[in-house]
């Protein structure tokens, strides 16, 4: 199944094709974030490492609605925060966080962060998600908490601290801030964010209703090995990609 999900970009001449492939899924990710109400003013960003230069990444223009982002709107930023392709500004927080995550994790192709309602509500608890549903087991022993808040992240040193807290996991809960997810593809990074947001919602609801019953360790590990893989993340994103492209085909422009 994995081979069906990952296009082959082995030839040097196909870098442009791979770049377009990532940018199309990045634009779709923004449209999905807009559709699900993950926007909060100008806050939030998803990045995709450029296949031609791993020290550069593509990101949304600062101040543009998630629901309006097209492939042609995406901007490319270098390791110093300079916009090298595109004619818009980059969000300072996007660069401060994502540049350091990409630098610390060569395996990470994409990273996603926004101030989604349930994610930021749950982040105020300063605790990891519990293994209370099948879906949340994707994050079992695979996410961390950045247990600090010093204000809007505009300094790369703070970005380094966030990257350090993330470690080798697929996600971090940024206390009093929101969620951050990463993946070896744009597809998985976006999907991890969507399902993590829903997992925060599920846990908040369960805790409000009573005392949630935890899945035992062995079952949680086994479930993670099914729903928490890179292939599972890519595959779970695909129906959403197909849906949003059919509903909003202009995102590919």
Foldseek 3Di string as FASTA:
>chain_A
DLPVLDDDDPDPVCLVVVQLVQLLLQLLLLLVCLVVVQADQQFWKKWFQRPVDNQKIKMAAGRDRSNPAASQRIFMAGLVGDTPDHDGHDDLLCNLQVSLLSVVDVLWGMKIWTQGPLFLVLLQVQDDFFQQDLLCLLCPVAEFELRDDDDRRRHNVVNNSVNVRRPRHQKYRYHNGGIMGTASGSQLNSQVRVSVSVSSVVVVVVVVVHDGDGDDDVVSNVSNVPCNDRSNSSVVSVVSSVVSCVVCVRNHD
